[in-house]
Amino acid sequence: MLSASADDRLIVALDVPHAVAGLDLAEKLGASVGFYKIGLGMLTGGGLALANELKHEHGKRIFLDMKLFDIGATIEAAVRGLAQFDLDFLTVHGDPHVVNAAKQGAAGSDMKILAVTILTSLDRADLDACMIQPGDIPDLVTTRAARAFEAGADGVIASPQEAAMIRALPQAEGRLIVTPGVRPDGTALGDQKRVATPAKAIRDGADHIVIGRPIWQAENPADAARAVLDTLPRTTAA
């Protein structure tokens, strides 16, 4: 079961090929980690089964990172189906119609809907290639976050570089900010472009930080997780 001392501000991304590898990693991390992210990469490798096992047999919290996007009726139906698994967080794209439909689908459950603003692997050149409107990324992210909150999102996904601006929004009161693109000092950036250290992300207003490769690629993942937690400001975990 989940250790009472686990600091859930750290979410470890189980970006491994299948559920067997994910469960093995969770066992190595043990009581040092209480919150896991399971994403699209593991969906066909038993990701939902792993989510259920970690949640209901090991007492872990689960962030299902699906980044859903579709017409409203489809989103509502998909989220209603996922809500039956009693998971903690689910991501959808931050477009207001998507957020609104997701909230309707999650009605009656405790699952929180998190809206993706702009992926942390993208920079302005990537947005230009996607024909996204001109503007500085922090301004676009903050605007998308405000609109997602207004549509009912329980929180947003944004890079740590935008956390402080989002936290300052009036609409952000009582809402969650979850930041991927977090890298401990001295670790490789990988495919992330808008990054910050774990401590800075938390100081700037993030409630949760998401870290994958710097932990699960470490020789001792539990030690790597504890090293990250040791750098976080000493405040009450979200």
Protein backbone atom coordinates (compact mmCIF):
# COMPACT_ATOMS: atom_id res chain seq x y z
CA MET A 1 0.00 0.00 0.00
CA LEU A 2 0.97 3.63 -0.40
CA SER A 3 3.36 4.92 2.21
CA ALA A 4 1.95 7.80 4.22
CA SER A 5 5.25 9.61 3.69
CA ALA A 6 5.04 9.62 -0.14
CA ASP A 7 5.18 13.14 -1.54
CA ASP A 8 2.62 13.22 -4.33
CA ARG A 9 4.00 16.42 -5.81
CA LEU A 10 6.24 14.07 -7.81
CA ILE A 11 4.47 12.08 -10.54
CA VAL A 12 6.66 9.48 -12.22
CA ALA A 13 5.90 8.86 -15.88
CA LEU A 14 5.82 5.15 -16.65
CA ASP A 15 7.00 5.65 -20.22
CA VAL A 16 7.99 2.02 -20.63
CA PRO A 17 6.77 -0.40 -23.34
CA HIS A 18 4.22 -2.47 -21.45
CA ALA A 19 2.50 -3.16 -18.15
CA VAL A 20 5.00 -5.78 -17.00
CA ALA A 21 7.86 -3.28 -17.26
CA GLY A 22 5.70 -0.64 -15.60
CA LEU A 23 4.87 -2.85 -12.64
CA ASP A 24 8.53 -3.83 -12.30
CA LEU A 25 9.52 -0.16 -12.19
CA ALA A 26 6.82 0.63 -9.63
CA GLU A 27 8.11 -2.19 -7.45
CA LYS A 28 11.65 -0.79 -7.67
CA LEU A 29 10.38 2.65 -6.66
CA GLY A 30 8.34 1.22 -3.80
CA ALA A 31 7.09 3.62 -1.14
CA SER A 32 9.25 6.50 -2.44
CA VAL A 33 6.66 7.29 -5.15
CA GLY A 34 2.90 7.46 -4.71
CA PHE A 35 1.73 8.91 -8.03
CA TYR A 36 2.24 7.54 -11.56
CA LYS A 37 1.47 8.75 -15.08
CA ILE A 38 0.39 6.24 -17.71
CA GLY A 39 0.23 7.56 -21.26
CA LEU A 40 -0.66 6.64 -24.81
CA GLY A 41 2.61 4.79 -25.36
CA MET A 42 1.48 2.05 -22.98
CA LEU A 43 -2.19 1.99 -23.95
CA THR A 44 -1.82 -1.08 -26.18
CA GLY A 45 0.63 -2.66 -23.74
CA GLY A 46 -1.82 -3.13 -20.88
CA GLY A 47 -1.81 0.44 -19.61
CA LEU A 48 -5.36 0.42 -18.27
CA ALA A 49 -4.81 -2.91 -16.53
CA LEU A 50 -1.65 -1.52 -14.95
CA ALA A 51 -3.50 1.62 -13.86
CA ASN A 52 -6.12 -0.52 -12.13
CA GLU A 53 -3.54 -2.72 -10.44
CA LEU A 54 -1.46 0.19 -9.15
CA LYS A 55 -4.55 2.04 -7.98
CA HIS A 56 -6.54 -0.70 -6.35
CA GLU A 57 -3.91 -3.24 -5.27
CA HIS A 58 -0.98 -0.96 -4.44
CA GLY A 59 -2.74 2.21 -3.27
CA LYS A 60 -1.09 4.49 -5.83
CA ARG A 61 -2.61 7.56 -7.46
CA ILE A 62 -2.91 7.45 -11.25
CA PHE A 63 -2.67 10.15 -13.91
CA LEU A 64 -4.01 8.82 -17.23
CA ASP A 65 -2.38 10.95 -19.91
CA MET A 66 -4.56 10.39 -22.98
CA LYS A 67 -4.68 13.98 -24.35
CA LEU A 68 -8.12 13.32 -25.81
CA PHE A 69 -9.38 15.45 -28.70
CA ASP A 70 -12.55 14.94 -30.74
CA ILE A 71 -16.07 16.24 -31.12
CA GLY A 72 -17.93 16.88 -27.89
CA ALA A 73 -20.17 13.81 -27.94
CA THR A 74 -17.22 11.48 -28.49
CA ILE A 75 -15.17 13.12 -25.73
CA GLU A 76 -18.06 12.90 -23.29
CA ALA A 77 -18.58 9.21 -24.04
CA ALA A 78 -14.86 8.38 -23.81
CA VAL A 79 -14.42 10.18 -20.52
CA ARG A 80 -17.54 8.59 -19.06
CA GLY A 81 -16.05 5.20 -19.88
CA LEU A 82 -12.68 6.05 -18.35
CA ALA A 83 -14.26 7.53 -15.21
CA GLN A 84 -15.45 4.07 -14.19
CA PHE A 85 -11.85 3.09 -13.44
CA ASP A 86 -11.72 5.48 -10.46
CA LEU A 87 -8.47 7.14 -11.55
CA ASP A 88 -7.23 10.53 -10.36
CA PHE A 89 -6.28 12.69 -13.37
CA LEU A 90 -7.15 12.55 -17.07
CA THR A 91 -5.78 14.84 -19.76
CA VAL A 92 -7.70 16.29 -22.69
CA HIS A 93 -6.70 19.00 -25.13
CA GLY A 94 -7.41 22.46 -23.77
CA ASP A 95 -9.94 23.58 -26.37
CA PRO A 96 -13.04 24.78 -24.48
CA HIS A 97 -15.48 22.45 -26.24
CA VAL A 98 -13.28 19.48 -25.37
CA VAL A 99 -12.91 20.51 -21.73
CA ASN A 100 -16.62 21.14 -21.33
CA ALA A 101 -17.52 17.75 -22.79
CA ALA A 102 -14.90 16.00 -20.65
CA LYS A 103 -16.31 17.55 -17.50
CA GLN A 104 -19.75 16.30 -18.44
CA GLY A 105 -18.35 12.83 -18.99
CA ALA A 106 -16.57 12.87 -15.63
CA ALA A 107 -19.66 14.05 -13.73
CA GLY A 108 -20.30 11.98 -10.62
CA SER A 109 -16.70 10.79 -10.36
CA ASP A 110 -13.67 12.15 -8.52
CA MET A 111 -11.48 12.09 -11.64
CA LYS A 112 -10.02 15.52 -12.36
CA ILE A 113 -9.88 16.83 -15.91
CA LEU A 114 -6.57 18.47 -16.84
CA ALA A 115 -6.37 20.56 -20.00
CA VAL A 116 -3.24 20.47 -22.16
CA THR A 117 -2.13 23.99 -23.14
CA ILE A 118 0.86 23.63 -25.50
CA LEU A 119 3.07 20.55 -25.43
CA THR A 120 6.39 21.05 -23.66
CA SER A 121 8.24 19.51 -26.62
CA LEU A 122 7.14 22.36 -28.92
CA ASP A 123 8.74 25.74 -29.55
CA ARG A 124 7.64 28.69 -31.70
CA ALA A 125 9.02 27.12 -34.89
CA ASP A 126 6.91 24.01 -34.25
CA LEU A 127 3.81 26.13 -33.73
CA ASP A 128 4.49 27.96 -36.98
CA ALA A 129 4.69 24.64 -38.80
CA CYS A 130 1.32 23.70 -37.28
CA MET A 131 -0.18 27.03 -38.39
CA ILE A 132 -0.84 28.10 -34.79
CA GLN A 133 -1.51 31.82 -34.45
CA PRO A 134 1.49 34.13 -33.95
CA GLY A 135 2.53 35.15 -30.47
CA ASP A 136 4.95 34.33 -27.69
CA ILE A 137 4.41 30.86 -26.27
CA PRO A 138 3.96 32.00 -22.64
CA ASP A 139 1.17 34.35 -23.71
CA LEU A 140 -0.54 31.65 -25.78
CA VAL A 141 -0.25 29.12 -22.97
CA THR A 142 -1.66 31.54 -20.41
CA THR A 143 -4.60 32.40 -22.66
CA ARG A 144 -5.36 28.74 -23.32
CA ALA A 145 -5.14 28.02 -19.59
CA ALA A 146 -7.59 30.81 -18.75
CA ARG A 147 -10.07 29.57 -21.34
CA ALA A 148 -9.74 25.99 -20.14
CA PHE A 149 -10.42 27.07 -16.55
CA GLU A 150 -13.45 29.02 -17.72
CA ALA A 151 -14.68 25.86 -19.49
CA GLY A 152 -14.46 23.96 -16.21
CA ALA A 153 -11.01 22.33 -16.20
CA ASP A 154 -9.83 21.18 -12.78
CA GLY A 155 -6.29 22.00 -13.81
CA VAL A 156 -3.90 22.46 -16.71
CA ILE A 157 -0.80 20.89 -18.15
CA ALA A 158 1.89 23.43 -19.01
CA SER A 159 5.64 23.73 -19.03
CA PRO A 160 7.27 24.90 -15.81
CA GLN A 161 8.32 28.06 -17.62
CA GLU A 162 4.67 29.18 -17.72
CA ALA A 163 3.67 28.03 -14.23
CA ALA A 164 4.06 31.41 -12.53
CA MET A 165 2.03 33.24 -15.19
CA ILE A 166 -0.77 30.70 -14.96
CA ARG A 167 -0.77 30.72 -11.15
CA ALA A 168 -1.26 34.49 -11.29
CA LEU A 169 -4.50 34.16 -13.27
CA PRO A 170 -7.67 34.92 -11.29
CA GLN A 171 -9.21 31.80 -12.88
CA ALA A 172 -6.40 29.64 -11.45
CA GLU A 173 -7.52 29.93 -7.85
CA GLY A 174 -8.19 26.45 -6.51
CA ARG A 175 -7.07 24.80 -9.77
CA LEU A 176 -4.15 22.48 -10.39
CA ILE A 177 -1.01 23.15 -12.42
CA VAL A 178 0.86 20.02 -13.51
CA THR A 179 4.20 20.47 -15.23
CA PRO A 180 6.02 17.98 -17.44
CA GLY A 181 9.23 19.21 -19.03
CA VAL A 182 10.92 19.02 -15.62
CA ARG A 183 14.56 18.03 -15.57
CA PRO A 184 16.86 17.72 -12.53
CA ASP A 185 20.18 19.54 -12.84
CA GLY A 186 22.66 17.64 -14.97
CA THR A 187 20.16 15.41 -16.81
CA ALA A 188 19.57 15.29 -20.54
CA LEU A 189 16.70 17.31 -21.99
CA GLY A 190 15.61 14.55 -24.38
CA ASP A 191 12.73 15.81 -26.54
CA GLN A 192 11.78 18.57 -24.10
CA LYS A 193 12.38 22.20 -25.06
CA ARG A 194 10.70 24.33 -22.36
CA VAL A 195 12.13 23.01 -19.12
CA ALA A 196 13.01 23.91 -15.53
CA THR A 197 14.30 22.12 -12.45
CA PRO A 198 11.86 20.41 -10.06
CA ALA A 199 12.37 22.97 -7.31
CA LYS A 200 11.83 25.94 -9.61
CA ALA A 201 8.65 24.42 -11.05
CA ILE A 202 7.18 24.03 -7.55
CA ARG A 203 8.29 27.49 -6.43
CA ASP A 204 6.67 28.99 -9.53
CA GLY A 205 3.29 27.52 -8.71
CA ALA A 206 3.16 23.93 -9.96
CA ASP A 207 1.23 21.52 -7.75
CA HIS A 208 2.74 18.44 -9.37
CA ILE A 209 5.84 17.80 -11.48
CA VAL A 210 6.07 14.93 -13.98
CA ILE A 211 9.43 13.22 -14.47
CA GLY A 212 10.10 10.07 -16.48
CA ARG A 213 13.45 9.20 -18.03
CA PRO A 214 15.72 10.83 -15.42
CA ILE A 215 14.16 8.45 -12.88
CA TRP A 216 13.40 5.23 -14.72
CA GLN A 217 16.68 5.29 -16.68
CA ALA A 218 18.70 5.73 -13.49
CA GLU A 219 20.77 2.86 -12.12
CA ASN A 220 18.70 3.06 -8.93
CA PRO A 221 15.29 4.61 -9.72
CA ALA A 222 14.24 4.86 -6.06
CA ASP A 223 17.39 6.82 -5.20
CA ALA A 224 16.78 9.08 -8.22
CA ALA A 225 13.21 9.75 -7.09
CA ARG A 226 14.31 10.52 -3.54
CA ALA A 227 17.01 12.84 -4.86
CA VAL A 228 14.35 14.81 -6.77
CA LEU A 229 12.09 14.98 -3.71
CA ASP A 230 14.96 16.21 -1.57
CA THR A 231 15.27 19.30 -3.78
CA LEU A 232 11.61 20.35 -3.45
CA PRO A 233 10.59 23.23 -1.16
CA ARG A 234 9.39 22.02 2.20
CA THR A 235 5.71 22.70 1.84
CA THR A 236 2.59 20.62 2.24
CA ALA A 237 2.21 18.23 -0.70
CA ALA A 238 -0.76 18.84 -3.00
